[in-house]
Amino acid sequence: MASALTLCVALSSPASADTICGSVAASWNVPAGGVVFSRSPGPVRDVIDAAGESRSHSMISHGPGGSASHATMVTPGQNGYSTPFSGFCETPLNASQLREGYPGASVISAGGVYTFLYLDGPGTEFVYFQQGDPDGSSPGNAVQNYLWSDAPAREATSQGDRSQALWLFLNSGQTSRLNYSLYQFRDIEGVHLGEDAWNDGVVCSTFLARSQALAGVNVQEPFTYSNEVIPRAARQLHASVEQECRSSIGFWGKIEATLACPLTDVCQRAANQVVNCMTTGECGNTDDDWKRVIADPNSGATSISPDCLGGWNGCARWPEPGASIWSYDDSHLVQWNADGNQYGCWD
């Protein structure tokens, strides 16, 4: 289980209002090809802290207008309820939605970006950007231009507002969208080389690593996490999901999980389901099999987290071999200071 580490805001944050559409009265100062890094409260922050990292999400700017490309997922829906012995009580989360997170990799407008960063939940602790021009040839701009102009994608109607649309990126064969996959934190599976994962999955940082390769500007090498980190991160993720469920925070408050299944511990099952999804890819498994995986001293994880994309906390920095094109730069404050109101959705 790898960067179990940095879920890229995969799960809802505490007190999230599940707001996915909104507006911003300005545009940001991030140049085309710059990558924006943020850190938000919730299970993600707790887990990355356990791994000694700090950034929980990354997205690439398409210029001062404010649009960006990134990979994330809305909270999976609940499994269908039938009896206290099956359905929701047995498997709380919809396994396919957890395994193939929606929307996955997509292009969103400035309004969607602002809503994602500042309005969906209690807000971010920081939002910085790093430029992608370490050698004067502006490879970061080449990456965003590839995504904007050449990467296979299809238009989709927003689930938050059917009058709005967003672009979903597709796999190499253009047969499936690039969905959000927690298993990418365990094994990057050649995605950093521009290849497709077994379930066409990415997370925010592996999506941008893949984009570097497909744009022809760089191949970033994955980071291997020691087995000492993995149990700590897995247990923290399990504890965070279980605590949100028991406290009826966000998504869990809507379904009153702790009241719906008096004969089974639905919150523990839900937490097992999320951690199993990350460690083995078995997103419908609600047993504690993940404990067996992390107990194996030979169990490791190889991936690329947002921190490694930026060259932080022990990850390679440009011009070291295998570093990302954004890792040469330091952090710059993201500001929204240009004219123009823009509305959009991030799902």
Protein backbone atom coordinates (compact mmCIF):
# COMPACT_ATOMS: atom_id res chain seq x y z
CA MET A 1 0.00 0.00 0.00
CA ALA A 2 1.80 2.99 -1.16
CA SER A 3 1.30 6.49 -0.64
CA ALA A 4 -1.64 5.40 1.33
CA LEU A 5 -0.21 8.37 1.95
CA THR A 6 -1.94 10.91 -0.20
CA LEU A 7 -5.44 10.20 -1.33
CA CYS A 8 -5.60 13.34 -3.48
CA VAL A 9 -8.82 14.32 -1.77
CA ALA A 10 -10.51 11.09 -2.69
CA LEU A 11 -12.89 10.99 0.25
CA SER A 12 -15.14 13.63 1.70
CA SER A 13 -13.66 15.97 4.26
CA PRO A 14 -15.27 16.61 7.65
CA ALA A 15 -18.51 18.57 7.54
CA SER A 16 -18.45 18.56 3.74
CA ALA A 17 -21.58 20.01 2.22
CA ASP A 18 -20.92 17.95 -0.91
CA THR A 19 -20.93 21.19 -2.91
CA ILE A 20 -19.64 20.48 -6.38
CA CYS A 21 -20.71 23.58 -8.34
CA GLY A 22 -19.98 27.23 -7.64
CA SER A 23 -18.42 30.45 -8.88
CA VAL A 24 -15.43 32.71 -8.39
CA ALA A 25 -15.32 36.44 -8.97
CA ALA A 26 -11.76 36.37 -10.30
CA SER A 27 -9.11 34.29 -12.05
CA TRP A 28 -5.93 32.92 -10.52
CA ASN A 29 -2.30 33.89 -11.04
CA VAL A 30 -1.05 30.40 -11.94
CA PRO A 31 0.72 30.33 -15.34
CA ALA A 32 -0.11 27.72 -17.98
CA GLY A 33 1.75 24.53 -17.06
CA GLY A 34 2.13 25.38 -13.39
CA VAL A 35 0.98 22.74 -10.89
CA VAL A 36 -1.16 23.72 -7.91
CA PHE A 37 -0.66 21.84 -4.63
CA SER A 38 -3.10 21.96 -1.74
CA ARG A 39 -3.69 20.43 1.68
CA SER A 40 -7.18 19.89 3.06
CA PRO A 41 -8.60 18.58 6.36
CA GLY A 42 -9.95 15.06 6.60
CA PRO A 43 -8.76 11.46 6.30
CA VAL A 44 -6.29 12.46 3.59
CA ARG A 45 -4.40 14.88 5.81
CA ASP A 46 -4.23 12.38 8.66
CA VAL A 47 -2.82 9.67 6.41
CA ILE A 48 -0.22 11.82 4.69
CA ASP A 49 0.92 13.03 8.10
CA ALA A 50 1.46 9.39 9.05
CA ALA A 51 3.70 9.07 5.99
CA GLY A 52 5.64 12.27 6.71
CA GLU A 53 4.21 14.14 3.72
CA SER A 54 2.07 17.27 3.49
CA ARG A 55 0.38 17.85 0.10
CA SER A 56 -2.95 16.13 -0.50
CA HIS A 57 -3.84 17.23 -4.03
CA SER A 58 -2.30 18.43 -7.29
CA MET A 59 -3.73 19.91 -10.49
CA ILE A 60 -2.19 21.52 -13.58
CA SER A 61 -3.18 25.01 -14.71
CA HIS A 62 -4.28 25.86 -18.25
CA GLY A 63 -3.43 29.50 -17.66
CA PRO A 64 -4.57 32.59 -15.76
CA GLY A 65 -8.18 32.04 -16.88
CA GLY A 66 -8.41 29.50 -14.08
CA SER A 67 -9.23 26.20 -15.80
CA ALA A 68 -7.25 23.12 -14.77
CA SER A 69 -6.88 19.39 -15.27
CA HIS A 70 -6.78 17.01 -12.32
CA ALA A 71 -7.98 13.64 -11.05
CA THR A 72 -10.31 13.15 -8.10
CA MET A 73 -13.51 11.39 -7.08
CA VAL A 74 -16.79 12.20 -5.40
CA THR A 75 -17.69 10.14 -2.34
CA PRO A 76 -18.95 6.71 -3.49
CA GLY A 77 -22.64 6.05 -3.01
CA GLN A 78 -23.97 3.57 -0.50
CA ASN A 79 -24.66 -0.02 -1.45
CA GLY A 80 -28.31 -0.94 -1.90
CA TYR A 81 -30.07 -1.73 1.38
CA SER A 82 -32.00 -4.99 1.66
CA THR A 83 -31.88 -6.60 5.14
CA PRO A 84 -29.73 -6.21 8.27
CA PHE A 85 -27.75 -9.23 7.04
CA SER A 86 -26.99 -8.18 3.46
CA GLY A 87 -26.80 -5.23 1.10
CA PHE A 88 -25.71 -1.99 2.77
CA CYS A 89 -25.13 -3.55 6.18
CA GLU A 90 -22.80 -6.17 4.69
CA THR A 91 -21.03 -3.92 2.15
CA PRO A 92 -21.67 -0.25 3.02
CA LEU A 93 -20.08 1.45 -0.01
CA ASN A 94 -20.86 0.83 -3.67
CA ALA A 95 -17.85 -1.28 -4.63
CA SER A 96 -17.71 -0.32 -8.30
CA GLN A 97 -17.93 3.40 -7.49
CA LEU A 98 -15.16 3.00 -4.92
CA ARG A 99 -13.00 1.02 -7.36
CA GLU A 100 -13.63 3.26 -10.38
CA GLY A 101 -13.98 6.70 -8.86
CA TYR A 102 -15.89 9.37 -10.74
CA PRO A 103 -15.10 11.70 -12.45
CA GLY A 104 -11.46 10.59 -12.42
CA ALA A 105 -9.20 12.68 -14.68
CA SER A 106 -10.98 15.73 -16.06
CA VAL A 107 -10.79 19.38 -17.15
CA ILE A 108 -12.70 21.85 -14.99
CA SER A 109 -13.34 25.60 -15.25
CA ALA A 110 -12.25 28.32 -12.83
CA GLY A 111 -15.56 28.15 -10.96
CA GLY A 112 -15.14 24.41 -10.51
CA VAL A 113 -11.55 24.83 -9.35
CA TYR A 114 -12.47 27.47 -6.78
CA THR A 115 -15.37 25.39 -5.48
CA PHE A 116 -13.19 22.29 -5.22
CA LEU A 117 -10.43 24.11 -3.30
CA TYR A 118 -12.36 26.47 -1.06
CA LEU A 119 -16.09 25.70 -0.90
CA ASP A 120 -16.38 21.90 -0.66
CA GLY A 121 -15.96 21.36 3.08
CA PRO A 122 -14.05 23.35 5.71
CA GLY A 123 -11.46 24.67 3.24
CA THR A 124 -7.78 24.21 2.57
CA GLU A 125 -4.82 24.79 4.87
CA PHE A 126 -2.66 26.02 1.98
CA VAL A 127 -2.74 26.40 -1.80
CA TYR A 128 0.57 26.92 -3.62
CA PHE A 129 1.83 26.52 -7.15
CA GLN A 130 5.14 25.57 -8.72
CA GLN A 131 6.15 26.49 -12.24
CA GLY A 132 7.23 23.92 -14.83
CA ASP A 133 10.13 25.57 -16.64
CA PRO A 134 13.39 24.18 -15.23
CA ASP A 135 15.42 24.44 -18.44
CA GLY A 136 13.86 27.38 -20.29
CA SER A 137 11.92 25.21 -22.76
CA SER A 138 8.71 25.39 -20.68
CA PRO A 139 7.96 21.65 -20.51
CA GLY A 140 5.14 22.35 -18.05
CA ASN A 141 3.36 24.35 -20.73
CA ALA A 142 3.88 21.46 -23.15
CA VAL A 143 2.14 19.13 -20.67
CA GLN A 144 -0.90 21.37 -20.24
CA ASN A 145 -1.06 21.95 -23.99
CA TYR A 146 -1.05 18.18 -24.59
CA LEU A 147 -3.94 17.77 -22.15
CA TRP A 148 -5.84 20.70 -23.62
CA SER A 149 -5.35 19.90 -27.30
CA ASP A 150 -4.22 16.31 -27.90
CA ALA A 151 -5.16 13.97 -25.06
CA PRO A 152 -8.19 11.76 -25.83
CA ALA A 153 -11.26 12.99 -23.92
CA ARG A 154 -15.03 13.14 -24.13
CA GLU A 155 -17.56 15.70 -22.97
CA ALA A 156 -19.83 14.75 -20.08
CA THR A 157 -22.76 16.43 -18.36
CA SER A 158 -22.03 17.54 -14.80
CA GLN A 159 -23.78 15.52 -12.12
CA GLY A 160 -24.02 18.68 -10.02
CA ASP A 161 -25.66 20.89 -12.68
CA ARG A 162 -26.92 19.37 -15.91
CA SER A 163 -26.52 22.69 -17.71
CA GLN A 164 -22.77 22.42 -17.18
CA ALA A 165 -20.22 20.15 -18.86
CA LEU A 166 -16.71 18.94 -18.18
CA TRP A 167 -14.19 16.92 -20.19
CA LEU A 168 -13.23 13.44 -19.02
CA PHE A 169 -9.88 12.04 -20.16
CA LEU A 170 -9.84 8.58 -21.75
CA ASN A 171 -7.42 5.64 -21.74
CA SER A 172 -5.04 4.99 -24.63
CA GLY A 173 -7.57 2.89 -26.53
CA GLN A 174 -10.31 5.49 -25.95
CA THR A 175 -12.54 2.74 -24.57
CA SER A 176 -12.86 3.99 -20.99
CA ARG A 177 -12.39 7.13 -18.93
CA LEU A 178 -9.35 7.42 -16.67
CA ASN A 179 -11.11 6.74 -13.39
CA TYR A 180 -9.82 7.44 -9.90
CA SER A 181 -8.27 4.30 -8.38
CA LEU A 182 -7.08 4.01 -4.79
CA TYR A 183 -4.93 1.04 -5.82
CA GLN A 184 -2.61 3.49 -7.62
CA PHE A 185 -1.23 4.34 -4.20
CA ARG A 186 -0.07 0.75 -3.81
CA ASP A 187 1.28 0.21 -7.33
CA ILE A 188 1.66 2.81 -10.07
CA GLU A 189 1.67 0.01 -12.69
CA GLY A 190 3.64 1.81 -15.40
CA VAL A 191 1.27 4.79 -15.48
CA HIS A 192 4.29 7.11 -15.13
CA LEU A 193 5.51 5.69 -18.45
CA GLY A 194 2.27 6.69 -20.17
CA GLU A 195 0.72 3.23 -19.87
CA ASP A 196 -2.79 2.34 -18.68
CA ALA A 197 -3.37 0.67 -15.30
CA TRP A 198 -5.29 -2.61 -15.00
CA ASN A 199 -8.52 -0.72 -14.30
CA ASP A 200 -7.64 2.47 -16.22
CA GLY A 201 -7.07 4.14 -12.87
CA VAL A 202 -5.04 7.17 -11.81
CA VAL A 203 -4.83 9.51 -8.84
CA CYS A 204 -4.05 13.22 -9.03
CA SER A 205 -0.27 12.87 -8.96
CA THR A 206 0.06 9.71 -11.09
CA PHE A 207 -2.19 11.37 -13.69
CA LEU A 208 0.29 14.26 -13.95
CA ALA A 209 3.23 11.85 -14.05
CA ARG A 210 1.50 10.03 -16.92
CA SER A 211 0.89 13.35 -18.68
CA GLN A 212 4.60 14.23 -18.53
CA ALA A 213 5.44 11.00 -20.34
CA LEU A 214 2.70 11.27 -22.98
CA ALA A 215 3.62 14.90 -23.69
CA GLY A 216 7.16 13.66 -24.38
CA VAL A 217 8.87 16.00 -21.93
CA ASN A 218 9.94 13.76 -19.03
CA VAL A 219 9.66 10.40 -17.31
CA GLN A 220 9.36 10.75 -13.55
CA GLU A 221 10.52 7.80 -11.48
CA PRO A 222 8.24 6.44 -8.74
CA PHE A 223 9.15 6.51 -5.06
CA THR A 224 9.29 3.31 -3.03
CA TYR A 225 7.92 3.48 0.50
CA SER A 226 9.35 1.33 3.25
CA ASN A 227 7.25 -1.24 5.08
CA GLU A 228 7.62 0.85 8.24
CA VAL A 229 5.41 3.55 6.73
CA ILE A 230 2.70 1.29 5.34
CA PRO A 231 1.12 -0.09 8.57
CA ARG A 232 1.04 3.37 10.14
CA ALA A 233 -0.65 4.93 7.11
CA ALA A 234 -3.13 2.06 6.67
CA ARG A 235 -4.22 2.15 10.29
CA GLN A 236 -4.62 5.91 10.17
CA LEU A 237 -6.79 5.68 7.07
CA HIS A 238 -8.94 3.01 8.69
CA ALA A 239 -9.32 5.08 11.86
CA SER A 240 -10.23 8.23 9.92
CA VAL A 241 -12.94 6.58 7.82
CA GLU A 242 -14.37 4.76 10.84
CA GLN A 243 -14.42 7.94 12.93
CA GLU A 244 -16.25 9.92 10.23
CA CYS A 245 -18.80 7.13 9.95
CA ARG A 246 -19.40 6.87 13.71
CA SER A 247 -19.69 10.66 13.98
CA SER A 248 -22.13 10.80 11.04
CA ILE A 249 -19.93 13.40 9.31
CA GLY A 250 -20.64 14.42 5.72
CA PHE A 251 -21.80 11.49 3.57
CA TRP A 252 -22.36 9.30 6.65
CA GLY A 253 -24.76 11.80 8.17
CA LYS A 254 -27.09 11.44 5.20
CA ILE A 255 -27.48 7.69 5.57
CA GLU A 256 -27.32 7.49 9.37
CA ALA A 257 -25.00 4.51 9.09
CA THR A 258 -24.67 3.86 12.80
CA LEU A 259 -28.46 3.53 13.14
CA ALA A 260 -29.27 1.56 10.00
CA CYS A 261 -27.55 -1.72 10.91
CA PRO A 262 -27.98 -2.64 14.59
CA LEU A 263 -26.71 -6.20 14.05
CA THR A 264 -23.39 -5.41 12.39
CA ASP A 265 -20.59 -2.85 12.76
CA VAL A 266 -21.15 -1.01 9.50
CA CYS A 267 -18.51 1.66 10.22
CA GLN A 268 -15.77 -0.90 10.72
CA ARG A 269 -16.84 -2.68 7.55
CA ALA A 270 -16.77 0.57 5.59
CA ALA A 271 -13.28 1.38 6.85
CA ASN A 272 -12.09 -2.13 5.95
CA GLN A 273 -13.58 -1.70 2.49
CA VAL A 274 -11.66 1.52 1.81
CA VAL A 275 -8.31 0.19 3.06
CA ASN A 276 -8.74 -3.12 1.19
CA CYS A 277 -9.48 -1.14 -1.96
CA MET A 278 -6.16 0.62 -1.63
CA THR A 279 -4.02 -2.34 -0.60
CA THR A 280 -5.36 -5.11 -2.84
CA GLY A 281 -7.81 -3.51 -5.27
CA GLU A 282 -10.64 -5.60 -3.75
CA CYS A 283 -13.06 -2.76 -3.18
CA GLY A 284 -15.99 -4.95 -2.15
CA ASN A 285 -14.07 -6.76 0.59
CA THR A 286 -15.23 -5.67 4.06
CA ASP A 287 -13.08 -8.09 6.08
CA ASP A 288 -9.82 -6.98 7.68
CA ASP A 289 -7.60 -8.72 5.10
CA TRP A 290 -5.56 -5.52 4.78
CA LYS A 291 -4.00 -6.33 8.17
CA ARG A 292 -2.45 -9.46 6.68
CA VAL A 293 -1.04 -7.45 3.78
CA ILE A 294 0.65 -4.80 5.92
CA ALA A 295 2.00 -7.46 8.33
CA ASP A 296 4.09 -8.95 5.52
CA PRO A 297 7.63 -7.50 5.91
CA ASN A 298 8.10 -7.81 2.15
CA SER A 299 4.99 -5.78 1.39
CA GLY A 300 5.91 -2.46 -0.16
CA ALA A 301 4.47 0.28 -2.26
CA THR A 302 5.73 2.17 -5.28
CA SER A 303 3.94 5.29 -6.49
CA ILE A 304 4.19 9.06 -7.06
CA SER A 305 2.53 11.33 -4.50
CA PRO A 306 1.87 15.09 -4.76
CA ASP A 307 4.91 15.70 -2.56
CA CYS A 308 7.09 13.76 -5.00
CA LEU A 309 5.56 15.62 -7.93
CA GLY A 310 6.79 18.81 -6.26
CA GLY A 311 10.12 17.36 -5.13
CA TRP A 312 9.48 17.54 -1.39
CA ASN A 313 10.15 15.38 1.70
CA GLY A 314 12.94 13.20 0.36
CA CYS A 315 11.73 12.95 -3.24
CA ALA A 316 14.06 13.77 -6.15
CA ARG A 317 14.45 17.42 -7.16
CA TRP A 318 15.43 18.66 -10.61
CA PRO A 319 18.01 18.08 -12.10
CA GLU A 320 18.34 14.80 -10.21
CA PRO A 321 17.51 11.76 -12.38
CA GLY A 322 13.85 10.81 -12.28
CA ALA A 323 12.64 14.13 -10.83
CA SER A 324 9.48 15.87 -12.07
CA ILE A 325 9.66 19.02 -14.19
CA TRP A 326 8.00 21.02 -11.39
CA SER A 327 10.41 19.98 -8.65
CA TYR A 328 13.04 22.62 -9.43
CA ASP A 329 10.74 25.40 -8.22
CA ASP A 330 9.73 26.61 -4.78
CA SER A 331 6.17 27.30 -3.64
CA HIS A 332 4.29 30.42 -4.78
CA LEU A 333 1.04 31.64 -3.23
CA VAL A 334 -2.05 31.14 -5.38
CA GLN A 335 -4.02 34.38 -5.67
CA TRP A 336 -7.41 35.10 -7.27
CA ASN A 337 -7.02 38.69 -8.38
CA ALA A 338 -8.08 39.05 -12.03
CA ASP A 339 -11.44 40.35 -13.21
CA GLY A 340 -14.39 38.21 -14.27
CA ASN A 341 -16.99 36.02 -12.57
CA GLN A 342 -16.89 32.35 -13.58
CA TYR A 343 -19.24 29.48 -12.71
CA GLY A 344 -18.49 25.78 -12.99
CA CYS A 345 -18.52 22.28 -11.47
CA TRP A 346 -15.74 19.94 -10.47
CA ASP A 347 -17.50 16.57 -10.70
